[in-house]
């Protein structure tokens, strides 16, 4: 049985010595900025994403993602000896929200004359 949440009974059977440490948290989300994890229903999400992860999330190409980072539109850091780019998950979410706001502003100030324009 695989589910997103831990099952205290199953864990207690598997690890009897740790049975008193098992706790379930059904509707909880914890963000730990120091350790860089987001815990949500038993899943641990990484704090930092690769440019490939960002490209997949935004459904754009890797080169478009790189251009967003290099232009400063999407803040990122370089890590490691080879200087690989990483984008913090919360920064990506902030970027997405900023783009929604810019889109709302654009639509409000530039109403479409013809609905078929988009089609």
N, C-alpha and C. Protein backbone atom coordinates (compact mmCIF):
# COMPACT_ATOMS: atom_id res chain seq x y z
N UNK A 1 0.85 -1.18 0.00
CA UNK A 1 0.00 0.00 0.00
C UNK A 1 0.88 1.23 0.00
N UNK A 2 0.88 1.97 -1.08
CA UNK A 2 1.67 3.20 -1.19
C UNK A 2 0.71 4.37 -1.18
N UNK A 3 0.90 5.26 -0.23
CA UNK A 3 0.10 6.48 -0.22
C UNK A 3 1.01 7.62 0.16
N UNK A 4 0.51 8.83 0.00
CA UNK A 4 1.31 10.01 0.30
C UNK A 4 1.57 10.21 1.79
N UNK A 5 0.69 9.68 2.65
CA UNK A 5 0.84 9.88 4.09
C UNK A 5 1.38 8.62 4.74
N UNK A 6 2.06 8.79 5.83
CA UNK A 6 2.59 7.65 6.57
C UNK A 6 1.47 6.94 7.29
N UNK A 7 1.59 5.66 7.41
CA UNK A 7 0.62 4.85 8.12
C UNK A 7 1.28 4.38 9.40
N UNK A 8 0.79 4.85 10.54
CA UNK A 8 1.42 4.55 11.83
C UNK A 8 1.41 3.06 12.11
N UNK A 9 0.34 2.36 11.79
CA UNK A 9 0.26 0.93 12.07
C UNK A 9 1.28 0.16 11.25
N UNK A 10 1.41 0.49 9.97
CA UNK A 10 2.37 -0.19 9.11
C UNK A 10 3.79 0.09 9.57
N UNK A 11 4.10 1.33 9.89
CA UNK A 11 5.44 1.67 10.36
C UNK A 11 5.75 0.97 11.68
N UNK A 12 4.78 0.87 12.56
CA UNK A 12 5.00 0.21 13.85
C UNK A 12 5.31 -1.26 13.64
N UNK A 13 4.66 -1.91 12.66
CA UNK A 13 4.94 -3.32 12.37
C UNK A 13 6.33 -3.48 11.77
N UNK A 14 6.71 -2.57 10.89
CA UNK A 14 8.01 -2.64 10.23
C UNK A 14 9.15 -2.30 11.17
N UNK A 15 8.94 -1.32 12.03
CA UNK A 15 9.99 -0.82 12.91
C UNK A 15 9.46 -0.77 14.35
N UNK A 16 9.34 -1.92 15.02
CA UNK A 16 8.73 -1.93 16.35
C UNK A 16 9.47 -1.06 17.36
N UNK A 17 10.79 -0.92 17.22
CA UNK A 17 11.56 -0.12 18.17
C UNK A 17 11.24 1.37 18.04
N UNK A 18 10.72 1.79 16.89
CA UNK A 18 10.43 3.20 16.67
C UNK A 18 8.93 3.51 16.71
N UNK A 19 8.12 2.56 17.18
CA UNK A 19 6.67 2.72 17.14
C UNK A 19 6.20 3.95 17.91
N UNK A 20 6.87 4.29 18.98
CA UNK A 20 6.43 5.44 19.77
C UNK A 20 6.79 6.76 19.11
N UNK A 21 7.62 6.75 18.05
CA UNK A 21 8.02 7.98 17.37
C UNK A 21 7.16 8.29 16.14
N UNK A 22 6.29 7.38 15.76
CA UNK A 22 5.53 7.53 14.52
C UNK A 22 4.31 8.41 14.78
N UNK A 23 4.17 9.44 13.96
CA UNK A 23 3.04 10.34 14.06
C UNK A 23 2.53 10.61 12.66
N UNK A 24 1.22 10.68 12.50
CA UNK A 24 0.66 11.03 11.20
C UNK A 24 0.15 12.45 11.24
N UNK A 25 0.28 13.13 10.12
CA UNK A 25 -0.18 14.50 9.98
C UNK A 25 -1.03 14.58 8.73
N UNK A 26 -2.34 14.39 8.82
CA UNK A 26 -3.13 14.28 7.60
C UNK A 26 -3.20 15.53 6.75
N UNK A 27 -3.43 16.67 7.14
CA UNK A 27 -3.57 17.82 6.25
C UNK A 27 -2.57 18.90 6.64
N UNK A 28 -1.30 18.59 6.55
CA UNK A 28 -0.29 19.54 7.01
C UNK A 28 0.74 19.81 5.93
N UNK A 29 1.25 20.99 5.89
CA UNK A 29 2.31 21.37 4.96
C UNK A 29 3.33 22.18 5.74
N UNK A 30 4.56 21.75 5.72
CA UNK A 30 5.62 22.42 6.46
C UNK A 30 6.70 22.85 5.49
N UNK A 31 7.12 24.09 5.58
CA UNK A 31 8.22 24.58 4.77
C UNK A 31 9.40 24.82 5.69
N UNK A 32 10.48 24.13 5.44
CA UNK A 32 11.69 24.25 6.25
C UNK A 32 12.74 24.94 5.39
N UNK A 33 12.88 26.25 5.51
CA UNK A 33 13.81 26.99 4.66
C UNK A 33 15.27 26.71 5.00
N UNK A 34 15.56 26.29 6.22
CA UNK A 34 16.95 26.02 6.60
C UNK A 34 17.43 24.74 5.94
N UNK A 35 16.65 23.68 6.02
CA UNK A 35 17.06 22.41 5.42
C UNK A 35 16.71 22.35 3.94
N UNK A 36 15.86 23.26 3.48
CA UNK A 36 15.54 23.33 2.06
C UNK A 36 14.56 22.30 1.59
N UNK A 37 13.56 21.97 2.40
CA UNK A 37 12.58 20.99 1.98
C UNK A 37 11.17 21.52 2.19
N UNK A 38 10.28 21.01 1.39
CA UNK A 38 8.86 21.27 1.58
C UNK A 38 8.22 19.91 1.80
N UNK A 39 7.62 19.70 2.96
CA UNK A 39 7.00 18.43 3.29
C UNK A 39 5.51 18.59 3.11
N UNK A 40 4.93 17.78 2.26
CA UNK A 40 3.51 17.88 1.97
C UNK A 40 2.95 16.48 1.81
N UNK A 41 2.16 16.04 2.77
CA UNK A 41 1.54 14.71 2.73
C UNK A 41 2.57 13.61 2.52
N UNK A 42 3.69 13.69 3.19
CA UNK A 42 4.68 12.64 3.12
C UNK A 42 5.71 12.81 2.03
N UNK A 43 5.52 13.75 1.10
CA UNK A 43 6.50 13.99 0.04
C UNK A 43 7.46 15.07 0.48
N UNK A 44 8.70 14.92 0.11
CA UNK A 44 9.69 15.96 0.37
C UNK A 44 10.12 16.53 -0.98
N UNK A 45 9.87 17.81 -1.17
CA UNK A 45 10.24 18.48 -2.41
C UNK A 45 11.57 19.18 -2.20
N UNK A 46 12.43 19.19 -3.21
CA UNK A 46 13.72 19.87 -3.06
C UNK A 46 13.54 21.38 -2.98
N UNK A 47 14.44 22.03 -2.26
CA UNK A 47 14.39 23.49 -2.16
C UNK A 47 14.78 24.13 -3.49
N UNK A 48 15.77 23.56 -4.17
CA UNK A 48 16.27 24.13 -5.41
C UNK A 48 15.94 23.23 -6.59
N UNK A 49 15.65 23.87 -7.73
CA UNK A 49 15.32 23.16 -8.96
C UNK A 49 16.40 23.42 -10.00
N UNK A 50 16.65 22.44 -10.85
CA UNK A 50 17.55 22.64 -11.98
C UNK A 50 16.82 23.45 -13.04
N UNK A 51 17.55 23.98 -14.01
CA UNK A 51 16.91 24.71 -15.10
C UNK A 51 16.02 23.77 -15.92
N UNK A 52 16.38 22.50 -16.00
CA UNK A 52 15.53 21.53 -16.70
C UNK A 52 14.20 21.36 -15.97
N UNK A 53 14.25 21.32 -14.64
CA UNK A 53 13.02 21.22 -13.84
C UNK A 53 12.13 22.44 -14.06
N UNK A 54 12.76 23.61 -14.07
CA UNK A 54 12.02 24.86 -14.28
C UNK A 54 11.40 24.88 -15.68
N UNK A 55 12.18 24.47 -16.67
CA UNK A 55 11.67 24.43 -18.05
C UNK A 55 10.46 23.51 -18.15
N UNK A 56 10.53 22.36 -17.50
CA UNK A 56 9.41 21.42 -17.51
C UNK A 56 8.19 22.02 -16.82
N UNK A 57 8.40 22.66 -15.68
CA UNK A 57 7.30 23.26 -14.93
C UNK A 57 6.60 24.34 -15.75
N UNK A 58 7.39 25.18 -16.42
CA UNK A 58 6.83 26.29 -17.19
C UNK A 58 6.44 25.88 -18.62
N UNK A 59 6.79 24.64 -18.99
CA UNK A 59 6.53 24.13 -20.34
C UNK A 59 7.17 25.03 -21.40
N UNK A 60 8.45 25.33 -21.17
CA UNK A 60 9.25 26.11 -22.12
C UNK A 60 10.55 25.36 -22.37
N UNK A 61 11.34 25.83 -23.31
CA UNK A 61 12.59 25.16 -23.63
C UNK A 61 13.67 25.50 -22.60
N UNK A 62 14.72 24.69 -22.60
CA UNK A 62 15.85 24.93 -21.70
C UNK A 62 16.52 26.27 -22.02
N UNK A 63 16.61 26.61 -23.31
CA UNK A 63 17.25 27.87 -23.67
C UNK A 63 16.40 29.07 -23.24
N UNK A 64 15.08 28.94 -23.29
CA UNK A 64 14.22 30.02 -22.80
C UNK A 64 14.38 30.20 -21.29
N UNK A 65 14.52 29.09 -20.59
CA UNK A 65 14.73 29.14 -19.13
C UNK A 65 16.05 29.83 -18.82
N UNK A 66 17.10 29.45 -19.54
CA UNK A 66 18.41 30.05 -19.35
C UNK A 66 18.35 31.56 -19.61
N UNK A 67 17.61 31.95 -20.64
CA UNK A 67 17.48 33.38 -20.97
C UNK A 67 16.75 34.13 -19.85
N UNK A 68 15.74 33.51 -19.24
CA UNK A 68 15.04 34.14 -18.12
C UNK A 68 15.99 34.38 -16.94
N UNK A 69 16.85 33.39 -16.69
CA UNK A 69 17.81 33.50 -15.58
C UNK A 69 18.87 34.55 -15.89
N UNK A 70 19.45 34.50 -17.09
CA UNK A 70 20.52 35.43 -17.45
C UNK A 70 20.03 36.88 -17.52
N UNK A 71 18.77 37.08 -17.88
CA UNK A 71 18.23 38.44 -17.94
C UNK A 71 17.87 38.98 -16.56
N UNK A 72 17.82 38.10 -15.57
CA UNK A 72 17.46 38.53 -14.22
C UNK A 72 15.97 38.47 -13.94
N UNK A 73 15.18 38.10 -14.95
CA UNK A 73 13.74 37.98 -14.73
C UNK A 73 13.41 36.87 -13.73
N UNK A 74 14.19 35.80 -13.75
CA UNK A 74 14.01 34.68 -12.83
C UNK A 74 15.29 34.54 -12.01
N UNK A 75 15.28 35.01 -10.75
CA UNK A 75 16.49 34.93 -9.93
C UNK A 75 16.95 33.48 -9.72
N UNK A 76 18.26 33.28 -9.80
CA UNK A 76 18.84 31.96 -9.63
C UNK A 76 20.24 32.10 -9.06
N UNK A 77 20.81 30.97 -8.65
CA UNK A 77 22.18 30.96 -8.14
C UNK A 77 22.99 29.94 -8.93
N UNK A 78 24.30 30.14 -8.95
CA UNK A 78 25.22 29.17 -9.53
C UNK A 78 25.87 28.41 -8.39
N UNK A 79 25.90 27.09 -8.50
CA UNK A 79 26.48 26.26 -7.44
C UNK A 79 27.46 25.26 -8.04
N UNK A 80 28.34 24.79 -7.20
CA UNK A 80 29.26 23.75 -7.60
C UNK A 80 30.42 24.25 -8.43
N UNK A 81 31.38 23.37 -8.65
CA UNK A 81 32.58 23.70 -9.41
C UNK A 81 32.31 24.04 -10.85
N UNK A 82 31.27 23.45 -11.41
CA UNK A 82 30.94 23.72 -12.81
C UNK A 82 29.92 24.85 -12.96
N UNK A 83 29.53 25.44 -11.85
CA UNK A 83 28.62 26.58 -11.89
C UNK A 83 27.25 26.27 -12.46
N UNK A 84 26.63 25.22 -11.95
CA UNK A 84 25.30 24.86 -12.44
C UNK A 84 24.25 25.76 -11.81
N UNK A 85 23.28 26.17 -12.61
CA UNK A 85 22.23 27.07 -12.14
C UNK A 85 21.18 26.32 -11.35
N UNK A 86 20.70 26.97 -10.28
CA UNK A 86 19.60 26.44 -9.48
C UNK A 86 18.63 27.57 -9.18
N UNK A 87 17.34 27.24 -9.21
CA UNK A 87 16.28 28.20 -8.91
C UNK A 87 15.53 27.67 -7.68
N UNK A 88 15.38 28.52 -6.69
CA UNK A 88 14.66 28.11 -5.50
C UNK A 88 13.18 27.94 -5.84
N UNK A 89 12.57 26.88 -5.34
CA UNK A 89 11.17 26.56 -5.66
C UNK A 89 10.24 27.72 -5.31
N UNK A 90 10.49 28.37 -4.18
CA UNK A 90 9.63 29.50 -3.79
C UNK A 90 9.82 30.69 -4.72
N UNK A 91 11.03 30.87 -5.24
CA UNK A 91 11.30 31.95 -6.19
C UNK A 91 10.56 31.68 -7.50
N UNK A 92 10.52 30.42 -7.93
CA UNK A 92 9.78 30.07 -9.13
C UNK A 92 8.29 30.36 -8.93
N UNK A 93 7.75 30.01 -7.78
CA UNK A 93 6.34 30.29 -7.50
C UNK A 93 6.08 31.80 -7.51
N UNK A 94 6.99 32.58 -6.93
CA UNK A 94 6.86 34.04 -6.95
C UNK A 94 6.87 34.56 -8.39
N UNK A 95 7.75 34.01 -9.22
CA UNK A 95 7.84 34.41 -10.62
C UNK A 95 6.52 34.12 -11.34
N UNK A 96 5.97 32.93 -11.11
CA UNK A 96 4.71 32.56 -11.74
C UNK A 96 3.60 33.53 -11.32
N UNK A 97 3.53 33.85 -10.05
CA UNK A 97 2.51 34.80 -9.58
C UNK A 97 2.72 36.19 -10.21
N UNK A 98 3.98 36.60 -10.34
CA UNK A 98 4.29 37.89 -10.99
C UNK A 98 3.82 37.89 -12.44
N UNK A 99 4.00 36.78 -13.13
CA UNK A 99 3.58 36.68 -14.52
C UNK A 99 2.05 36.71 -14.63
N UNK A 100 1.36 36.08 -13.69
CA UNK A 100 -0.11 36.16 -13.67
C UNK A 100 -0.55 37.61 -13.51
N UNK A 101 0.09 38.33 -12.60
CA UNK A 101 -0.26 39.73 -12.36
C UNK A 101 0.02 40.58 -13.61
N UNK A 102 1.17 40.37 -14.24
CA UNK A 102 1.49 41.11 -15.46
C UNK A 102 0.48 40.81 -16.57
N UNK A 103 0.05 39.56 -16.65
CA UNK A 103 -0.93 39.17 -17.66
C UNK A 103 -2.28 39.84 -17.39
N UNK A 104 -2.70 39.86 -16.12
CA UNK A 104 -3.95 40.54 -15.77
C UNK A 104 -3.88 42.02 -16.14
N UNK A 105 -2.75 42.65 -15.84
CA UNK A 105 -2.58 44.07 -16.16
C UNK A 105 -2.61 44.29 -17.67
N UNK A 106 -1.93 43.44 -18.41
CA UNK A 106 -1.91 43.55 -19.87
C UNK A 106 -3.32 43.42 -20.44
N UNK A 107 -4.07 42.44 -19.96
CA UNK A 107 -5.43 42.22 -20.46
C UNK A 107 -6.33 43.41 -20.13
N UNK A 108 -6.16 43.96 -18.93
CA UNK A 108 -6.99 45.10 -18.52
C UNK A 108 -6.70 46.34 -19.36
N UNK A 109 -5.45 46.53 -19.76
CA UNK A 109 -5.08 47.73 -20.51
C UNK A 109 -5.12 47.54 -22.02
N UNK A 110 -5.22 46.30 -22.48
CA UNK A 110 -5.25 45.99 -23.91
C UNK A 110 -6.38 45.03 -24.24
N UNK A 111 -7.62 45.50 -24.16
CA UNK A 111 -8.74 44.58 -24.44
C UNK A 111 -8.69 44.10 -25.89
N UNK A 112 -9.03 42.85 -26.07
CA UNK A 112 -9.06 42.27 -27.41
C UNK A 112 -10.28 42.76 -28.16
N UNK A 113 -10.07 43.25 -29.38
CA UNK A 113 -11.19 43.70 -30.20
C UNK A 113 -11.93 42.52 -30.81
N UNK A 114 -11.17 41.47 -31.05
CA UNK A 114 -11.75 40.31 -31.73
C UNK A 114 -11.31 39.06 -30.99
N UNK A 115 -12.27 38.28 -30.54
CA UNK A 115 -11.95 37.07 -29.79
C UNK A 115 -11.20 36.05 -30.64
N UNK A 116 -11.38 36.08 -31.94
CA UNK A 116 -10.69 35.14 -32.83
C UNK A 116 -9.19 35.44 -32.92
N UNK A 117 -8.77 36.58 -32.37
CA UNK A 117 -7.35 36.93 -32.35
C UNK A 117 -6.52 35.83 -31.70
N UNK A 118 -7.04 35.20 -30.66
CA UNK A 118 -6.33 34.17 -29.93
C UNK A 118 -6.39 32.84 -30.65
N UNK A 119 -7.45 32.61 -31.38
CA UNK A 119 -7.60 31.34 -32.08
C UNK A 119 -6.71 31.32 -33.25
